[in-house]
Amino acid sequence: AMEDVSAKFVSQKISRTRWRPLPAAALQPPDVFATGSWDNEDNRISIWSTGDLGNAGLNGECQGEPHLLCDIQHNGDVMDMQFLDQERIVVASSTGTVTIFRHHQNNQTLSANHQWEKAHYHVDQDTSCGGAACTGVVCNNPEIVTVGEDGRINLFRADQKDAVRTIDNADSSTLHAVTFLRTTEILTVNSIGQLKIWDLRHQRNEPSQIFSLAGDRVPLHCVDRHPNQQHVVATGGQDGMLSIWDIRQGSMPVSLLNAHEAEMWEVHFHPSDPDHLFTCSEDGSLWHWDTSSNIYEKPSFLHQGGRSTAYLSHSTINQSVVSAWLSNNPTKDRMEITNLIPNQTLSVNSLDVLGPCLVYGTDSEAIYVNKQLFA
């Protein structure tokens, strides 16, 4: 599969890669993505076009590498970023500042559209060195939620100068990532292996539910929610394990899957085909987890956990998929796992997947695009 991948060397360590969302009715694959960098003298937000990539030429070769449309300087390391809409990107900085950048598609420029300075801070906002890294951001336009090293949760609106709401001591440890469960609920993961649900309708500043990894309190770095089944959540952490949770029941993960040899930095369900899941790691690997084959080839898989065959008679693909992720014992022989980067050495910090397209960024100062994930 490596021959389907085009690489672009960018002389920046890449911390985040994100596809620009497609308009609702779009049929074509995504062709524009953004990157953010870290650990460089001059960090940047960049917008790239894959152009004709993937339209194979006469001899089947790819039409070339991604090309830069525009970029802009960014203060501090890019810790996280998310598109708010087709034109705006929300970026979390190690300085504690959260910035909305606008991509002007008419003249291909980027500009800072709005900024919340020191949205995250230690001690008090006024000390010159008080900024605390903003570690995670998630958008549900116009709402933006950020989390940070300071254990703080902010709820912003893209059109408002001040935070709509701040939960100051949401966590006594570092919050590493956040996602929306539904429009009024968010889920955070922290550095002592806990997953917490927050109901934004409630004024009290306590989580409505707390889940935790048994025993070791392994820091969790990333989280994603199944796009169709809001109770199914995947997390990854410092030990490289993939954890699948059913937040309707219990307080511990449904399954723990041995994965990477080092920290897992990101986990993403495929947004339209969630029986596929992707994870990337400090160990230089990027794994594609595929549970789809089970549905048809191994019906026995669906009997896990004492489910009766009556369940099968009305099972939709969707339920089958979920039972694959929530099976009591989804051992590796029941799902296909492929490392999409056989010989990578340095950390793969970020990945994003949309339609048939995967983009990922690494500490080897390169970005990679695969436009034929399912070929």
Protein backbone atom coordinates (compact mmCIF):
# COMPACT_ATOMS: atom_id res chain seq x y z
CA ALA A 1 0.00 0.00 0.00
CA MET A 2 3.01 2.27 0.42
CA GLU A 3 3.09 3.02 -3.31
CA ASP A 4 -0.25 4.83 -2.99
CA VAL A 5 1.29 7.26 -0.53
CA SER A 6 2.79 10.59 -1.53
CA ALA A 7 5.19 12.31 0.83
CA LYS A 8 6.09 15.95 1.20
CA PHE A 9 9.13 17.04 3.18
CA VAL A 10 8.36 20.30 4.94
CA SER A 11 11.33 21.05 7.26
CA GLN A 12 8.90 21.31 10.17
CA LYS A 13 7.99 18.69 12.75
CA ILE A 14 4.27 18.17 12.17
CA SER A 15 2.07 17.90 15.26
CA ARG A 16 -1.40 17.98 13.63
CA THR A 17 -2.95 17.14 10.27
CA ARG A 18 -6.64 17.75 9.46
CA TRP A 19 -8.72 17.41 6.29
CA ARG A 20 -10.88 20.41 5.46
CA PRO A 21 -14.48 19.20 5.85
CA LEU A 22 -16.40 18.65 2.64
CA PRO A 23 -19.64 20.48 1.89
CA ALA A 24 -22.68 18.39 2.80
CA ALA A 25 -23.53 17.32 -0.74
CA ALA A 26 -19.97 16.81 -1.97
CA LEU A 27 -19.26 13.59 -3.83
CA GLN A 28 -15.58 14.15 -4.54
CA PRO A 29 -12.88 13.08 -2.10
CA PRO A 30 -11.29 15.73 0.14
CA ASP A 31 -8.44 17.65 -1.48
CA VAL A 32 -7.40 20.31 1.04
CA PHE A 33 -5.86 19.76 4.47
CA ALA A 34 -4.21 21.82 7.18
CA THR A 35 -1.12 21.10 9.24
CA GLY A 36 0.33 22.57 12.40
CA SER A 37 3.90 22.21 13.59
CA TRP A 38 5.77 21.98 16.88
CA ASP A 39 9.28 22.07 18.31
CA ASN A 40 10.57 24.36 15.53
CA GLU A 41 12.04 27.84 15.90
CA ASP A 42 9.16 29.16 13.85
CA ASN A 43 5.96 27.10 14.06
CA ARG A 44 3.36 27.42 11.31
CA ILE A 45 -0.20 26.68 10.31
CA SER A 46 -0.21 25.59 6.67
CA ILE A 47 -2.94 24.80 4.13
CA TRP A 48 -2.15 22.21 1.46
CA SER A 49 -3.85 21.00 -1.67
CA THR A 50 -3.53 17.44 -2.91
CA GLY A 51 -4.68 18.68 -6.30
CA ASP A 52 -4.67 15.84 -8.78
CA LEU A 53 -3.09 13.44 -6.38
CA GLY A 54 -4.50 9.99 -6.84
CA ASN A 55 -5.63 10.63 -10.41
CA ALA A 56 -3.09 8.20 -11.72
CA GLY A 57 -1.10 9.32 -14.73
CA LEU A 58 -0.60 7.29 -17.89
CA ASN A 59 1.74 4.84 -16.21
CA GLY A 60 -0.24 4.69 -12.98
CA GLU A 61 2.11 7.05 -11.14
CA CYS A 62 0.71 9.62 -8.76
CA GLN A 63 0.45 13.16 -10.06
CA GLY A 64 2.78 14.60 -7.49
CA GLU A 65 3.00 15.65 -3.90
CA PRO A 66 0.76 17.98 -1.88
CA HIS A 67 1.49 21.64 -2.60
CA LEU A 68 1.37 24.55 -0.20
CA LEU A 69 -1.51 26.99 -0.71
CA CYS A 70 -0.64 29.35 2.16
CA ASP A 71 0.78 29.44 5.67
CA ILE A 72 1.07 31.71 8.67
CA GLN A 73 3.28 31.89 11.73
CA HIS A 74 1.97 30.45 15.00
CA ASN A 75 3.20 31.36 18.49
CA GLY A 76 4.12 28.27 20.45
CA ASP A 77 3.70 24.62 19.53
CA VAL A 78 0.48 23.61 17.81
CA MET A 79 -1.02 21.22 20.38
CA ASP A 80 -4.29 20.53 18.56
CA MET A 81 -6.45 21.92 15.79
CA GLN A 82 -9.91 21.44 14.34
CA PHE A 83 -11.78 22.94 11.42
CA LEU A 84 -14.78 24.93 12.65
CA ASP A 85 -16.21 25.11 9.12
CA GLN A 86 -14.93 25.24 5.53
CA GLU A 87 -12.93 28.41 6.15
CA ARG A 88 -12.00 28.58 9.82
CA ILE A 89 -9.58 26.50 11.87
CA VAL A 90 -9.32 26.57 15.66
CA VAL A 91 -5.77 26.09 16.94
CA ALA A 92 -4.61 25.27 20.47
CA SER A 93 -1.17 26.55 21.50
CA SER A 94 1.39 25.48 24.10
CA THR A 95 1.25 29.13 25.25
CA GLY A 96 -2.35 28.62 26.41
CA THR A 97 -3.80 30.79 23.65
CA VAL A 98 -6.61 29.60 21.36
CA THR A 99 -6.77 31.18 17.89
CA ILE A 100 -9.26 30.97 15.04
CA PHE A 101 -7.51 31.30 11.69
CA ARG A 102 -9.44 32.06 8.52
CA HIS A 103 -8.43 30.57 5.19
CA HIS A 104 -9.28 33.09 2.45
CA GLN A 105 -9.82 30.88 -0.54
CA ASN A 106 -10.11 33.72 -3.06
CA ASN A 107 -6.50 34.88 -2.63
CA GLN A 108 -5.07 31.89 -0.71
CA THR A 109 -4.05 33.62 2.49
CA LEU A 110 -4.44 32.82 6.19
CA SER A 111 -5.22 35.40 8.85
CA ALA A 112 -5.85 35.32 12.57
CA ASN A 113 -9.59 35.86 12.84
CA HIS A 114 -10.07 35.76 16.60
CA GLN A 115 -7.94 34.99 19.64
CA TRP A 116 -8.52 34.05 23.26
CA GLU A 117 -5.20 34.84 24.92
CA LYS A 118 -4.16 32.60 27.77
CA ALA A 119 -7.41 30.67 27.69
CA HIS A 120 -5.36 28.26 29.81
CA TYR A 121 -3.01 29.49 32.53
CA HIS A 122 -1.30 28.56 35.76
CA VAL A 123 -1.84 30.62 38.92
CA ASP A 124 -3.39 33.73 37.38
CA GLN A 125 -3.90 35.23 33.97
CA ASP A 126 -1.74 38.28 34.71
CA THR A 127 1.64 36.66 35.37
CA SER A 128 3.79 37.04 32.31
CA CYS A 129 4.81 33.40 32.26
CA GLY A 130 1.54 31.99 33.51
CA GLY A 131 0.32 30.37 30.29
CA ALA A 132 -0.52 26.68 30.47
CA ALA A 133 -0.60 24.56 27.31
CA CYS A 134 -4.00 24.20 25.69
CA THR A 135 -3.85 20.49 24.90
CA GLY A 136 -7.13 19.78 23.15
CA VAL A 137 -9.87 21.48 21.17
CA VAL A 138 -13.14 20.24 19.70
CA CYS A 139 -15.70 22.17 17.62
CA ASN A 140 -19.40 21.94 17.05
CA ASN A 141 -19.92 25.20 15.17
CA PRO A 142 -20.31 27.80 16.62
CA GLU A 143 -19.25 26.17 19.90
CA ILE A 144 -15.63 25.40 20.73
CA VAL A 145 -14.45 23.49 23.79
CA THR A 146 -10.83 23.58 24.94
CA VAL A 147 -8.96 21.68 27.66
CA GLY A 148 -5.49 22.20 29.07
CA GLU A 149 -2.59 21.35 31.29
CA ASP A 150 -4.22 23.53 33.94
CA GLY A 151 -7.16 21.10 34.31
CA ARG A 152 -9.50 23.80 32.99
CA ILE A 153 -12.37 23.40 30.50
CA ASN A 154 -13.49 26.40 28.42
CA LEU A 155 -16.61 26.70 26.31
CA PHE A 156 -16.29 29.42 23.66
CA ARG A 157 -18.54 30.61 20.87
CA ALA A 158 -16.88 31.61 17.62
CA ASP A 159 -18.72 34.93 17.62
CA GLN A 160 -18.14 35.93 21.26
CA LYS A 161 -15.17 37.65 22.84
CA ASP A 162 -15.39 36.03 26.26
CA ALA A 163 -15.78 32.43 27.27
CA VAL A 164 -19.41 31.33 27.51
CA ARG A 165 -18.41 29.13 30.42
CA THR A 166 -15.25 28.04 32.24
CA ILE A 167 -14.90 25.12 34.63
CA ASP A 168 -11.80 26.19 36.49
CA ASN A 169 -10.86 23.15 38.50
CA ALA A 170 -12.41 20.55 36.27
CA ASP A 171 -9.46 18.28 36.90
CA SER A 172 -6.54 18.20 39.29
CA SER A 173 -4.39 16.56 36.60
CA THR A 174 -3.66 17.52 32.99
CA LEU A 175 -6.56 17.16 30.58
CA HIS A 176 -5.16 15.77 27.33
CA ALA A 177 -8.10 15.59 24.94
CA VAL A 178 -11.80 16.31 24.58
CA THR A 179 -14.64 15.28 22.28
CA PHE A 180 -18.36 15.96 22.01
CA LEU A 181 -20.64 13.05 22.93
CA ARG A 182 -23.69 15.05 21.86
CA THR A 183 -24.36 18.76 21.56
CA THR A 184 -24.69 19.24 25.32
CA GLU A 185 -22.16 16.70 26.58
CA ILE A 186 -18.41 16.44 26.32
CA LEU A 187 -15.95 13.76 27.28
CA THR A 188 -12.42 14.46 28.56
CA VAL A 189 -9.41 12.20 29.18
CA ASN A 190 -6.66 12.98 31.66
CA SER A 191 -3.16 12.08 32.77
CA ILE A 192 -4.27 9.60 35.44
CA GLY A 193 -6.25 7.31 33.15
CA GLN A 194 -9.70 8.78 33.73
CA LEU A 195 -12.45 9.53 31.26
CA LYS A 196 -15.07 12.03 32.43
CA ILE A 197 -18.43 13.09 31.01
CA TRP A 198 -19.52 16.70 31.50
CA ASP A 199 -23.08 17.85 30.91
CA LEU A 200 -22.86 21.48 29.80
CA ARG A 201 -26.52 22.09 30.65
CA HIS A 202 -25.71 21.72 34.34
CA GLN A 203 -24.20 24.66 36.14
CA ARG A 204 -22.40 22.55 38.69
CA ASN A 205 -18.74 22.03 37.92
CA GLU A 206 -18.55 18.29 38.47
CA PRO A 207 -18.53 15.53 35.87
CA SER A 208 -21.75 13.56 35.50
CA GLN A 209 -19.78 10.31 35.16
CA ILE A 210 -16.22 9.13 35.73
CA PHE A 211 -14.64 6.06 34.14
CA SER A 212 -11.13 4.83 34.72
CA LEU A 213 -8.55 2.33 33.62
CA ALA A 214 -8.12 -0.17 36.41
CA GLY A 215 -4.90 -0.20 38.33
CA ASP A 216 -2.09 1.66 36.72
CA ARG A 217 -3.51 5.12 36.05
CA VAL A 218 -1.86 5.22 32.65
CA PRO A 219 -2.14 8.70 31.14
CA LEU A 220 -4.70 8.86 28.32
CA HIS A 221 -3.70 11.05 25.37
CA CYS A 222 -6.53 10.75 22.87
CA VAL A 223 -10.22 9.95 22.54
CA ASP A 224 -12.77 9.52 19.76
CA ARG A 225 -16.45 8.70 19.73
CA HIS A 226 -18.07 6.23 17.34
CA PRO A 227 -19.87 8.43 14.78
CA ASN A 228 -23.18 6.49 14.86
CA GLN A 229 -23.17 4.89 18.30
CA GLN A 230 -22.60 7.65 20.80
CA HIS A 231 -22.01 5.26 23.68
CA VAL A 232 -18.98 3.64 22.02
CA VAL A 233 -15.72 5.46 22.71
CA ALA A 234 -12.09 4.65 21.91
CA THR A 235 -9.10 5.99 23.86
CA GLY A 236 -5.34 5.59 23.64
CA GLY A 237 -2.59 6.45 26.04
CA GLN A 238 0.98 6.30 27.21
CA ASP A 239 1.24 2.51 27.11
CA GLY A 240 0.11 2.31 23.47
CA MET A 241 -2.99 0.27 24.34
CA LEU A 242 -6.31 0.82 22.57
CA SER A 243 -9.27 0.89 24.99
CA ILE A 244 -12.88 0.58 23.86
CA TRP A 245 -15.54 1.82 26.30
CA ASP A 246 -19.32 1.49 26.46
CA ILE A 247 -20.30 4.50 28.50
CA ARG A 248 -23.77 3.10 29.16
CA GLN A 249 -22.35 0.49 31.48
CA GLY A 250 -19.69 -0.04 34.09
CA SER A 251 -16.83 2.29 34.80
CA MET A 252 -14.08 0.37 33.06
CA PRO A 253 -13.27 -0.31 29.39
CA VAL A 254 -15.09 -3.13 27.61
CA SER A 255 -11.86 -4.18 25.95
CA LEU A 256 -8.16 -3.42 26.12
CA LEU A 257 -6.24 -4.20 22.95
CA ASN A 258 -2.48 -4.45 22.78
CA ALA A 259 -1.40 -2.00 20.15
CA HIS A 260 1.66 0.21 19.90
CA GLU A 261 5.06 -0.07 21.57
CA ALA A 262 4.93 3.53 22.79
CA GLU A 263 2.49 6.40 23.37
CA MET A 264 -0.61 6.46 21.19
CA TRP A 265 -1.08 10.05 20.06
CA GLU A 266 -4.37 9.91 18.13
CA VAL A 267 -7.28 7.55 17.58
CA HIS A 268 -9.97 8.11 14.94
CA PHE A 269 -12.99 6.11 13.88
CA HIS A 270 -13.58 6.49 10.15
CA PRO A 271 -16.36 9.13 10.11
CA SER A 272 -18.57 7.34 7.57
CA ASP A 273 -17.32 3.77 7.90
CA PRO A 274 -16.73 3.26 11.63
CA ASP A 275 -15.91 -0.42 11.48
CA HIS A 276 -12.52 1.01 10.48
CA LEU A 277 -10.42 2.71 13.14
CA PHE A 278 -6.97 4.31 12.91
CA THR A 279 -4.30 4.89 15.56
CA CYS A 280 -0.81 6.43 15.42
CA SER A 281 2.09 6.35 17.82
CA GLU A 282 5.41 7.64 19.06
CA ASP A 283 6.83 4.30 17.89
CA GLY A 284 6.50 5.42 14.26
CA SER A 285 3.56 3.20 13.34
CA LEU A 286 0.05 3.93 12.07
CA TRP A 287 -2.44 1.11 12.45
CA HIS A 288 -5.63 0.46 10.52
CA TRP A 289 -8.04 -1.69 12.59
CA ASP A 290 -10.70 -3.33 10.44
CA THR A 291 -13.61 -5.20 12.00
CA SER A 292 -15.75 -5.18 8.85
CA SER A 293 -14.76 -8.63 7.58
CA ASN A 294 -16.19 -10.25 10.70
CA ILE A 295 -19.74 -9.37 9.85
CA TYR A 296 -19.97 -11.65 6.89
CA GLU A 297 -17.16 -14.15 7.21
CA LYS A 298 -17.29 -15.05 10.86
CA PRO A 299 -20.85 -14.99 12.16
CA SER A 300 -19.64 -16.71 15.32
CA PHE A 301 -18.10 -13.36 16.20
CA LEU A 302 -21.56 -11.99 16.85
CA HIS A 303 -22.33 -14.62 19.46
CA GLN A 304 -19.76 -13.21 21.87
CA GLY A 305 -21.17 -12.37 25.25
CA GLY A 306 -23.97 -14.87 25.10
CA ARG A 307 -26.06 -13.15 22.46
CA SER A 308 -28.63 -15.38 20.88
CA THR A 309 -29.01 -16.03 17.17
CA ALA A 310 -32.30 -14.14 17.31
CA TYR A 311 -30.10 -11.09 17.55
CA LEU A 312 -28.71 -11.89 14.11
CA SER A 313 -32.05 -12.09 12.37
CA HIS A 314 -32.69 -8.38 12.71
CA SER A 315 -29.11 -7.27 12.97
CA THR A 316 -28.28 -4.33 10.80
CA ILE A 317 -24.74 -3.78 9.67
CA ASN A 318 -24.55 -1.06 12.22
CA GLN A 319 -25.37 -3.27 15.15
CA SER A 320 -22.96 -5.87 13.88
CA VAL A 321 -20.21 -3.31 13.68
CA VAL A 322 -20.83 -2.16 17.18
CA SER A 323 -20.91 -5.68 18.49
CA ALA A 324 -17.51 -6.09 16.88
CA TRP A 325 -16.08 -3.18 18.87
CA LEU A 326 -17.97 -4.11 22.03
CA SER A 327 -17.36 -7.84 21.90
CA ASN A 328 -16.15 -9.19 25.24
CA ASN A 329 -13.03 -10.53 23.66
CA PRO A 330 -12.15 -8.87 20.36
CA THR A 331 -8.86 -10.68 19.97
CA LYS A 332 -6.61 -9.74 17.12
CA ASP A 333 -7.44 -12.75 14.99
CA ARG A 334 -10.98 -11.44 14.75
CA MET A 335 -10.00 -8.12 13.28
CA GLU A 336 -7.55 -7.27 10.60
CA ILE A 337 -4.83 -4.92 11.75
CA THR A 338 -2.45 -3.41 9.24
CA ASN A 339 0.49 -1.17 9.97
CA LEU A 340 0.28 1.35 7.15
CA ILE A 341 3.90 2.48 7.70
CA PRO A 342 6.17 -0.55 7.81
CA ASN A 343 9.55 1.21 8.13
CA GLN A 344 8.86 4.50 9.85
CA THR A 345 11.21 5.37 12.69
CA LEU A 346 10.17 8.71 14.18
CA SER A 347 6.90 9.53 15.91
CA VAL A 348 3.65 9.72 13.92
CA ASN A 349 1.97 12.55 15.81
CA SER A 350 -1.31 12.96 13.99
CA LEU A 351 -3.63 11.43 11.44
CA ASP A 352 -6.95 12.31 9.88
CA VAL A 353 -9.21 10.24 7.68
CA LEU A 354 -12.08 11.32 5.41
CA GLY A 355 -13.67 9.28 2.61
CA PRO A 356 -10.93 7.17 0.97
CA CYS A 357 -8.19 9.57 2.11
CA LEU A 358 -5.70 9.48 4.96
CA VAL A 359 -3.26 12.25 5.90
CA TYR A 360 -0.63 11.94 8.62
CA GLY A 361 2.26 13.99 9.99
CA THR A 362 5.51 13.00 11.64
CA ASP A 363 8.59 14.16 13.52
CA SER A 364 10.60 13.26 10.43
CA GLU A 365 9.45 16.65 9.06
CA ALA A 366 7.15 15.11 6.51
CA ILE A 367 3.46 14.85 5.71
CA TYR A 368 2.00 11.85 3.92
CA VAL A 369 -1.22 11.44 1.96
CA ASN A 370 -2.87 8.17 0.94
CA LYS A 371 -5.89 8.71 -1.31
CA GLN A 372 -6.73 5.04 -1.78
CA LEU A 373 -7.19 3.74 1.73
CA PHE A 374 -9.64 1.03 0.73
CA ALA A 375 -8.19 0.19 -2.69
